[in-house]
Protein backbone atom coordinates (compact mmCIF):
# COMPACT_ATOMS: atom_id res chain seq x y z
CA UNK A 1 -151.84 30.84 56.70
CA UNK A 2 -148.07 30.97 56.20
CA UNK A 3 -148.49 34.27 54.34
CA UNK A 4 -150.56 35.93 57.72
CA UNK A 5 -147.70 34.53 59.75
CA UNK A 6 -144.87 36.97 58.19
CA UNK A 7 -147.12 39.87 57.62
CA UNK A 8 -147.65 40.01 61.17
CA UNK A 9 -144.67 39.55 62.02
CA UNK A 10 -143.38 42.09 59.58
CA UNK A 11 -145.59 44.50 61.76
CA UNK A 12 -144.21 43.16 65.21
CA UNK A 13 -140.98 43.45 64.81
CA UNK A 14 -141.25 46.86 63.20
CA UNK A 15 -143.48 48.19 66.57
CA UNK A 16 -140.82 46.76 68.18
CA UNK A 17 -138.02 48.45 66.78
CA UNK A 18 -139.18 51.51 68.32
CA UNK A 19 -137.56 52.97 71.39
CA UNK A 20 -140.68 53.42 73.81
CA UNK A 21 -141.87 56.69 73.91
CA UNK A 22 -142.58 58.12 77.50
CA UNK A 23 -145.41 60.74 79.10
CA UNK A 24 -144.07 64.28 80.19
CA UNK A 25 -144.04 63.36 83.59
CA UNK A 26 -141.04 65.05 86.39
CA UNK A 27 -140.99 61.27 87.68
CA UNK A 28 -140.28 59.73 84.42
CA UNK A 29 -137.30 62.09 83.26
CA UNK A 30 -135.84 62.00 86.93
CA UNK A 31 -135.57 58.17 86.51
CA UNK A 32 -133.47 58.62 82.74
CA UNK A 33 -131.25 61.37 84.21
CA UNK A 34 -130.85 60.92 87.86
CA UNK A 35 -128.36 58.77 87.92
CA UNK A 36 -126.14 60.62 86.47
CA UNK A 37 -126.50 63.80 88.10
CA UNK A 38 -123.71 64.13 91.02
CA UNK A 39 -123.19 66.30 93.95
CA UNK A 40 -120.22 68.52 93.55
CA UNK A 41 -117.98 69.69 96.95
CA UNK A 42 -115.59 72.29 97.24
CA UNK A 43 -114.42 72.28 100.73
CA UNK A 44 -111.83 75.10 102.22
CA UNK A 45 -111.06 77.53 105.42
CA UNK A 46 -114.11 79.35 105.19
CA UNK A 47 -116.50 76.34 104.66
CA UNK A 48 -117.87 73.67 102.05
CA UNK A 49 -120.12 74.78 98.64
CA UNK A 50 -122.31 72.43 96.98
CA UNK A 51 -123.44 72.43 94.34
CA UNK A 52 -124.50 69.69 90.81
CA UNK A 53 -122.85 68.50 87.92
CA UNK A 54 -123.85 65.84 85.46
CA UNK A 55 -121.75 62.26 84.21
CA UNK A 56 -120.73 62.84 80.72
CA UNK A 57 -119.24 59.88 79.88
CA UNK A 58 -118.69 55.95 81.22
CA UNK A 59 -114.64 57.53 81.73
CA UNK A 60 -115.64 59.56 84.65
CA UNK A 61 -116.04 62.55 83.08
CA UNK A 62 -118.13 65.67 84.77
CA UNK A 63 -119.44 68.78 83.44
CA UNK A 64 -120.33 71.24 85.69
CA UNK A 65 -119.71 75.23 85.58
CA UNK A 66 -116.98 76.63 86.12
CA UNK A 67 -117.61 79.25 88.97
CA UNK A 68 -118.38 75.86 91.45
CA UNK A 69 -114.73 74.98 91.44
CA UNK A 70 -113.70 78.54 90.94
CA UNK A 71 -111.93 78.30 94.41
CA UNK A 72 -110.41 75.14 94.03
CA UNK A 73 -108.08 76.29 90.86
CA UNK A 74 -107.83 79.74 92.28
CA UNK A 75 -107.50 79.24 96.20
CA UNK A 76 -106.76 75.28 96.21
CA UNK A 77 -109.74 73.74 98.16
CA UNK A 78 -110.38 70.39 97.92
CA UNK A 79 -113.05 69.12 95.55
CA UNK A 80 -115.29 66.13 95.66
CA UNK A 81 -117.92 64.03 94.08
CA UNK A 82 -120.97 62.54 95.86
CA UNK A 83 -122.70 60.19 93.78
CA UNK A 84 -126.48 60.28 93.50
CA UNK A 85 -128.25 58.89 96.58
CA UNK A 86 -124.99 58.32 98.61
CA UNK A 87 -124.05 60.11 101.66
CA UNK A 88 -121.87 63.13 101.93
CA UNK A 89 -119.55 61.23 103.95
CA UNK A 90 -119.11 58.32 100.42
CA UNK A 91 -117.46 60.84 98.76
CA UNK A 92 -114.86 60.78 96.10
CA UNK A 93 -111.75 62.92 95.22
CA UNK A 94 -112.23 64.62 91.75
CA UNK A 95 -109.62 66.97 89.71
CA UNK A 96 -110.19 69.49 86.71
CA UNK A 97 -109.45 68.03 83.32
CA UNK A 98 -110.12 71.64 82.11
CA UNK A 99 -111.99 75.18 82.87
CA UNK A 100 -113.47 77.65 80.87
CA UNK A 101 -114.34 81.26 82.58
CA UNK A 102 -115.75 82.58 80.18
CA UNK A 103 -118.32 79.80 79.26
CA UNK A 104 -118.48 79.20 82.72
CA UNK A 105 -118.00 75.75 82.59
CA UNK A 106 -115.80 73.23 83.68
CA UNK A 107 -114.85 69.32 82.97
CA UNK A 108 -113.85 67.36 86.13
CA UNK A 109 -113.08 63.38 86.43
CA UNK A 110 -113.29 61.12 88.95
CA UNK A 111 -111.49 57.83 88.69
CA UNK A 112 -113.60 54.45 88.59
CA UNK A 113 -116.82 56.03 88.75
CA UNK A 114 -118.77 53.85 87.24
CA UNK A 115 -122.21 55.96 86.94
CA UNK A 116 -123.82 55.95 83.63
CA UNK A 117 -123.23 59.07 80.60
CA UNK A 118 -126.78 61.06 80.00
CA UNK A 119 -126.95 61.83 76.68
CA UNK A 120 -125.96 65.43 75.51
CA UNK A 121 -128.53 66.80 72.48
CA UNK A 122 -126.66 67.36 69.43
CA UNK A 123 -129.81 67.86 67.19
CA UNK A 124 -130.19 71.34 65.46
CA UNK A 125 -130.55 74.40 67.70
CA UNK A 126 -134.21 75.36 66.60
CA UNK A 127 -135.28 72.52 68.06
CA UNK A 128 -135.31 73.77 71.35
CA UNK A 129 -137.65 76.96 71.40
CA UNK A 130 -139.79 79.23 72.80
CA UNK A 131 -142.34 76.80 75.05
CA UNK A 132 -140.04 73.98 75.25
CA UNK A 133 -141.12 71.66 77.89
CA UNK A 134 -137.20 71.74 79.80
CA UNK A 135 -136.32 69.74 83.51
CA UNK A 136 -133.66 70.96 85.85
CA UNK A 137 -132.25 68.50 88.15
CA UNK A 138 -129.45 69.37 90.66
CA UNK A 139 -128.83 69.45 94.58
CA UNK A 140 -130.32 73.34 95.84
CA UNK A 141 -128.43 74.25 99.16
CA UNK A 142 -131.15 75.40 101.19
CA UNK A 143 -132.77 72.16 101.08
CA UNK A 144 -129.50 70.80 102.81
CA UNK A 145 -129.87 73.54 105.26
CA UNK A 146 -133.31 72.67 106.18
CA UNK A 147 -132.07 68.49 106.74
CA UNK A 148 -132.75 67.18 103.42
CA UNK A 149 -131.48 63.72 102.23
CA UNK A 150 -128.80 63.39 99.58
CA UNK A 151 -131.41 63.17 96.88
CA UNK A 152 -132.00 65.34 93.76
CA UNK A 153 -134.46 67.59 93.79
CA UNK A 154 -136.71 67.95 89.97
CA UNK A 155 -138.24 71.09 88.57
CA UNK A 156 -140.53 72.07 85.57
CA UNK A 157 -140.43 74.80 83.35
CA UNK A 158 -140.37 76.44 79.92
CA UNK A 159 -137.50 77.69 77.74
CA UNK A 160 -138.41 81.35 77.27
CA UNK A 161 -135.89 82.18 74.89
CA UNK A 162 -132.35 80.88 73.57
CA UNK A 163 -129.92 83.85 72.48
CA UNK A 164 -126.07 84.90 71.95
CA UNK A 165 -124.67 86.41 75.27
CA UNK A 166 -121.68 86.39 77.00
CA UNK A 167 -121.44 85.65 81.02
CA UNK A 168 -118.48 88.04 81.52
CA UNK A 169 -118.05 92.17 79.93
CA UNK A 170 -114.97 90.44 78.16
CA UNK A 171 -116.17 87.21 77.47
CA UNK A 172 -117.08 85.44 73.57
CA UNK A 173 -120.66 85.31 73.01
CA UNK A 174 -122.17 81.77 73.80
CA UNK A 175 -125.87 80.32 72.87
CA UNK A 176 -127.44 80.79 76.01
CA UNK A 177 -131.21 79.15 77.56
CA UNK A 178 -133.30 81.19 79.36
CA UNK A 179 -136.21 79.01 81.50
CA UNK A 180 -138.29 78.80 84.17
CA UNK A 181 -137.56 75.27 85.44
CA UNK A 182 -137.02 77.23 89.26
CA UNK A 183 -132.76 76.57 90.69
CA UNK A 184 -131.59 77.02 93.43
CA UNK A 185 -127.58 78.21 93.85
CA UNK A 186 -126.85 74.54 94.52
CA UNK A 187 -128.59 73.66 91.23
CA UNK A 188 -125.43 75.29 89.38
CA UNK A 189 -123.48 73.05 86.97
CA UNK A 190 -126.33 70.88 86.79
CA UNK A 191 -128.12 69.69 83.61
CA UNK A 192 -131.20 70.97 82.23
CA UNK A 193 -133.01 68.35 80.50
CA UNK A 194 -135.64 68.28 77.62
CA UNK A 195 -138.83 65.44 77.85
CA UNK A 196 -136.70 62.62 76.22
CA UNK A 197 -133.98 62.91 78.87
CA UNK A 198 -131.34 64.82 76.55
CA UNK A 199 -128.91 67.67 78.45
CA UNK A 200 -130.11 71.07 76.56
CA UNK A 201 -128.20 73.41 79.06
CA UNK A 202 -125.83 73.48 81.76
CA UNK A 203 -127.62 75.91 84.57
CA UNK A 204 -125.73 79.04 85.41
CA UNK A 205 -126.89 82.15 86.36
CA UNK A 206 -130.60 83.54 88.07
CA UNK A 207 -131.46 87.44 88.39
CA UNK A 208 -130.35 88.06 91.66
CA UNK A 209 -130.08 90.84 93.49
CA UNK A 210 -129.10 91.86 97.49
CA UNK A 211 -131.31 93.83 100.45
CA UNK A 212 -129.75 95.35 103.39
CA UNK A 213 -132.47 95.78 105.91
CA UNK A 214 -131.85 98.50 108.78
CA UNK A 215 -130.79 96.38 111.05
CA UNK A 216 -127.50 95.74 108.33
CA UNK A 217 -128.13 92.22 107.47
CA UNK A 218 -128.10 91.48 103.65
CA UNK A 219 -130.41 89.12 102.04
CA UNK A 220 -130.24 88.06 98.55
CA UNK A 221 -133.61 87.69 96.64
CA UNK A 222 -134.72 87.81 93.28
CA UNK A 223 -135.12 90.13 91.39
CA UNK A 224 -137.28 88.94 89.24
CA UNK A 225 -139.35 85.38 89.92
CA UNK A 226 -139.18 82.43 87.50
CA UNK A 227 -135.48 84.15 85.37
CA UNK A 228 -132.77 81.20 85.03
CA UNK A 229 -130.08 81.08 82.65
CA UNK A 230 -127.61 77.67 81.68
CA UNK A 231 -125.30 77.50 79.19
CA UNK A 232 -126.31 75.73 76.19
CA UNK A 233 -124.97 72.19 75.41
CA UNK A 234 -124.00 72.87 72.90
CA UNK A 235 -121.21 74.77 73.59
CA UNK A 236 -120.33 72.05 76.52
CA UNK A 237 -120.43 69.55 73.04
CA UNK A 238 -117.78 71.64 71.58
CA UNK A 239 -115.49 71.99 74.38
CA UNK A 240 -115.36 67.93 74.94
CA UNK A 241 -114.75 67.20 71.09
CA UNK A 242 -111.56 69.51 71.81
CA UNK A 243 -110.71 67.16 74.80
CA UNK A 244 -111.50 64.29 72.92
CA UNK A 245 -113.97 63.30 75.39
CA UNK A 246 -115.69 60.26 74.39
CA UNK A 247 -119.39 61.54 75.55
CA UNK A 248 -122.42 60.02 74.93
CA UNK A 249 -124.23 62.44 71.95
CA UNK A 250 -127.34 62.07 70.42
CA UNK A 251 -128.36 63.61 67.05
CA UNK A 252 -132.48 62.78 67.70
CA UNK A 253 -134.57 65.18 68.07
CA UNK A 254 -136.80 64.75 70.85
CA UNK A 255 -140.79 65.58 69.54
CA UNK A 256 -143.90 65.58 71.85
CA UNK A 257 -147.13 64.31 70.26
CA UNK A 258 -150.69 64.35 71.85
CA UNK A 259 -148.62 64.55 75.83
CA UNK A 260 -145.61 61.77 74.62
CA UNK A 261 -142.13 62.74 74.21
CA UNK A 262 -140.13 60.32 72.00
CA UNK A 263 -137.48 60.43 69.58
CA UNK A 264 -138.67 57.49 67.67
CA UNK A 265 -141.97 58.75 66.43
CA UNK A 266 -140.86 58.09 62.97
CA UNK A 267 -140.60 54.59 63.56
CA UNK A 268 -143.97 54.58 65.23
CA UNK A 269 -145.60 56.05 62.15
CA UNK A 270 -143.62 53.23 59.93
CA UNK A 271 -144.63 50.89 62.12
CA UNK A 272 -148.71 51.75 62.50
CA UNK A 273 -148.74 52.23 58.57
CA UNK A 274 -147.16 48.71 58.05
CA UNK A 275 -149.74 47.40 60.84
CA UNK A 276 -152.61 49.03 58.90
CA UNK A 277 -151.44 47.99 55.58
CA UNK A 278 -151.05 44.52 57.12
CA UNK A 279 -154.59 44.88 58.80
CA UNK A 280 -156.02 46.08 55.57
CA UNK A 281 -155.07 42.69 54.38
CA UNK A 282 -155.72 40.36 56.30
CA UNK A 283 -159.48 41.93 56.76
CA UNK A 284 -159.72 41.92 52.32
CA UNK A 285 -158.24 38.46 51.93
CA UNK A 286 -159.41 36.26 54.99
CA UNK A 287 -162.85 38.32 56.01
CA UNK A 288 -165.64 37.58 56.09
CA UNK A 289 -164.57 33.66 55.88
CA UNK A 290 -167.12 32.20 54.38
CA UNK A 291 -169.01 35.25 52.14
CA UNK A 292 -166.74 35.55 49.00
CA UNK A 293 -169.31 37.45 46.36
CA UNK A 294 -172.62 38.59 47.07
CA UNK A 295 -175.76 38.72 44.77
CA UNK A 296 -178.48 41.67 45.12
CA UNK A 297 -181.90 41.38 43.52
CA UNK A 298 -185.36 41.51 43.53
CA UNK A 299 -187.57 42.61 45.71
CA UNK A 300 -185.50 41.35 48.85
CA UNK A 301 -182.53 43.65 47.80
CA UNK A 302 -183.51 46.53 50.00
CA UNK A 303 -183.69 44.31 52.83
CA UNK A 304 -180.08 42.88 52.02
CA UNK A 305 -178.14 45.63 49.75
CA UNK A 306 -176.74 47.12 53.22
CA UNK A 307 -175.05 43.94 54.25
CA UNK A 308 -174.00 42.99 50.36
CA UNK A 309 -172.67 45.71 49.29
CA UNK A 310 -170.12 45.36 52.14
CA UNK A 311 -169.54 42.32 51.40
CA UNK A 312 -168.94 43.15 47.72
CA UNK A 313 -166.41 45.81 48.64
CA UNK A 314 -164.41 43.54 50.81
CA UNK A 315 -164.62 40.48 48.49
CA UNK A 316 -165.69 42.13 45.27
CA UNK A 317 -166.09 39.32 41.80
CA UNK A 318 -162.87 41.04 39.77
CA UNK A 319 -160.57 39.93 42.73
CA UNK A 320 -160.51 36.28 41.35
CA UNK A 321 -157.04 35.40 39.85
CA UNK A 322 -157.68 35.12 36.68
CA UNK A 323 -155.49 32.34 35.60
CA UNK A 324 -157.68 30.08 37.91
CA UNK A 325 -160.52 28.90 35.90
CA UNK A 326 -163.55 29.31 36.94
CA UNK A 327 -166.99 28.08 37.22
CA UNK A 328 -169.86 31.11 35.81
CA UNK A 329 -173.70 30.87 36.97
CA UNK A 330 -175.15 33.12 34.18
CA UNK A 331 -178.60 34.05 33.55
CA UNK A 332 -179.96 36.74 31.40
CA UNK A 333 -183.36 37.25 31.76
CA UNK A 334 -183.65 37.39 35.06
CA UNK A 335 -186.15 40.04 37.44
CA UNK A 336 -183.90 43.15 37.47
CA UNK A 337 -181.24 42.05 34.91
CA UNK A 338 -178.87 39.90 34.35
CA UNK A 339 -176.79 37.73 36.93
CA UNK A 340 -173.62 35.88 37.16
CA UNK A 341 -172.61 34.03 40.53
CA UNK A 342 -168.51 33.41 39.66
CA UNK A 343 -166.92 29.99 42.11
CA UNK A 344 -163.08 30.00 41.72
CA UNK A 345 -161.03 27.18 42.55
CA UNK A 346 -159.79 29.42 45.44
CA UNK A 347 -163.36 29.68 46.80
CA UNK A 348 -164.08 25.75 46.58
CA UNK A 349 -160.19 25.40 48.45
CA UNK A 350 -162.02 27.70 51.10
CA UNK A 351 -164.47 25.79 51.39
CA UNK A 352 -164.13 22.06 51.01
CA UNK A 353 -167.44 21.38 52.34
CA UNK A 354 -169.04 23.29 49.59
CA UNK A 355 -170.68 26.41 49.31
CA UNK A 356 -174.16 27.40 49.96
CA UNK A 357 -176.81 29.73 47.92
CA UNK A 358 -179.71 31.27 49.82
CA UNK A 359 -181.19 34.64 50.19
CA UNK A 360 -179.56 35.02 53.74
CA UNK A 361 -176.82 37.12 53.38
CA UNK A 362 -175.18 34.51 55.70
CA UNK A 363 -175.06 32.70 52.56
CA UNK A 364 -171.89 32.06 50.48
CA UNK A 365 -173.66 33.32 47.21
CA UNK A 366 -176.57 35.84 48.83
CA UNK A 367 -179.33 35.66 46.10
CA UNK A 368 -181.82 37.86 47.45
CA UNK A 369 -184.22 37.35 44.54
CA UNK A 370 -188.42 35.79 44.92
CA UNK A 371 -188.36 32.01 44.93
CA UNK A 372 -184.98 31.56 46.68
CA UNK A 373 -185.03 29.92 50.19
CA UNK A 374 -182.85 31.20 52.37
CA UNK A 375 -180.31 28.49 52.11
CA UNK A 376 -181.26 27.33 48.86
CA UNK A 377 -178.71 24.99 47.43
CA UNK A 378 -175.39 23.75 47.99
CA UNK A 379 -172.41 23.62 45.61
CA UNK A 380 -169.13 21.09 45.85
CA UNK A 381 -166.80 19.98 44.16
CA UNK A 382 -167.56 16.71 42.15
CA UNK A 383 -164.39 15.61 40.93
CA UNK A 384 -163.33 17.52 38.20
CA UNK A 385 -166.67 19.35 38.04
CA UNK A 386 -169.69 20.73 40.39
CA UNK A 387 -172.30 18.97 41.82
CA UNK A 388 -175.54 20.65 43.05
CA UNK A 389 -177.35 19.98 46.16
CA UNK A 390 -180.85 21.28 47.18
CA UNK A 391 -181.34 22.07 50.66
CA UNK A 392 -185.22 21.34 51.32
CA UNK A 393 -185.85 24.59 49.72
CA UNK A 394 -189.47 24.62 48.79
CA UNK A 395 -189.57 25.89 45.04
CA UNK A 396 -187.23 22.96 44.46
CA UNK A 397 -183.56 22.39 42.21
CA UNK A 398 -183.36 21.14 38.79
CA UNK A 399 -180.32 20.08 36.89
CA UNK A 400 -181.50 20.26 33.14
CA UNK A 401 -185.52 19.80 34.14
CA UNK A 402 -184.54 17.33 36.63
CA UNK A 403 -185.46 17.84 39.74
CA UNK A 404 -182.49 17.18 42.58
CA UNK A 405 -183.60 15.13 45.42
CA UNK A 406 -182.18 16.75 48.57
CA UNK A 407 -181.72 12.80 49.97
CA UNK A 408 -179.72 11.69 46.89
CA UNK A 409 -176.64 13.69 47.27
CA UNK A 410 -175.10 16.31 44.99
CA UNK A 411 -176.44 16.26 41.29
CA UNK A 412 -173.95 16.84 38.62
CA UNK A 413 -172.65 20.03 36.99
CA UNK A 414 -171.44 19.65 33.74
CA UNK A 415 -170.58 23.19 31.72
CA UNK A 416 -173.64 23.67 29.48
CA UNK A 417 -175.94 22.55 32.24
CA UNK A 418 -179.09 24.55 32.97
CA UNK A 419 -179.76 24.74 37.06
CA UNK A 420 -183.08 26.07 38.04
CA UNK A 421 -183.12 27.14 41.54
CA UNK A 422 -186.60 28.32 42.14
CA UNK A 423 -187.95 30.49 38.92
CA UNK A 424 -184.85 30.90 37.74
CA UNK A 425 -182.64 29.42 35.57
CA UNK A 426 -178.79 29.93 35.19
CA UNK A 427 -176.74 28.30 32.35
CA UNK A 428 -173.53 26.74 33.78
CA UNK A 429 -170.44 28.05 32.08
CA UNK A 430 -166.64 27.08 32.56
CA UNK A 431 -164.15 29.27 32.18
């Protein structure tokens, strides 16, 4: 019992050690990421510009796009941050820690922000490939104009490609992610995340053009539908390391298996293997509880063979420990060939009331041969020896040709004795 408990405990601990997996659905990922996403406001004489950002450290550092805060830097416009779920009036003053025009990135800071940092993926670039599901989260400006509340929007798409490019004509090439998760200008600076809630990019641009109507009214429209761009998260990680900002990074690779995303599939595989091994050990050692060895001979073999074979595979005769003393009931000239019925000390410990021999497969020893009753006899411990009791078998039980009366209790079996069950005689041996 103690061994079974230890085996099951080990399997359970392994399963619990693995972090929960999450199905690929926007609501699940949004619940993980949304508390870390903020709204960035830049106010000046010409009005207010709204965009997005996300918390990268517990010290209140926020990542966003450079073009979002450019007027604050160049013209001195006021810079504010609104936490996720808060009203616009509950804005917090922010400062620019560092700006990177060529990479279109900026790092801000808000004192005493108290928001969780979203994890940044630091796994190899190759793990974000064409077709990888990505999610965009942010504060699209059009929603505010239409009267939407202060909540974020969430869209889903796939990564179309990852390539080296530059945001400006003279800028240094960086890794850029092209994706199809729909964004609005207000999404600029917001994160692109994978199905595990890890940031894989910072939203920056979409392919736009301007159309002048006959009346002279300019209309901005998408040149190509569903083409959006983001700076790869590795660019942001490099800048944060240079600034010495303690960001929340992770090198765990997000994998999707059968529609479930997780960074811990190796743990799950190991836990499943341990659970399978534990289950196999328990089945082999403890199931079936009573039947430990099957003997199939004679005309009833076709009737009981399949059932007996299953029990033989689970409890083969050679599984008995060789160093433990055992009894053997041996018949050399039985129909169908020699028969050995082995009874070990372990068998007797498991069945203190005795082992039943009969032609029924549910017996502890199934002897499917003519003349053997369904439950013919019962072998029980008798001191250091064995005893046998007839179970009203009809064809009878005898020890050294002395019939065993079912009402007299067990008759002693000693090494060398002859045990007759029905029409078959066994020699009792001690090993």
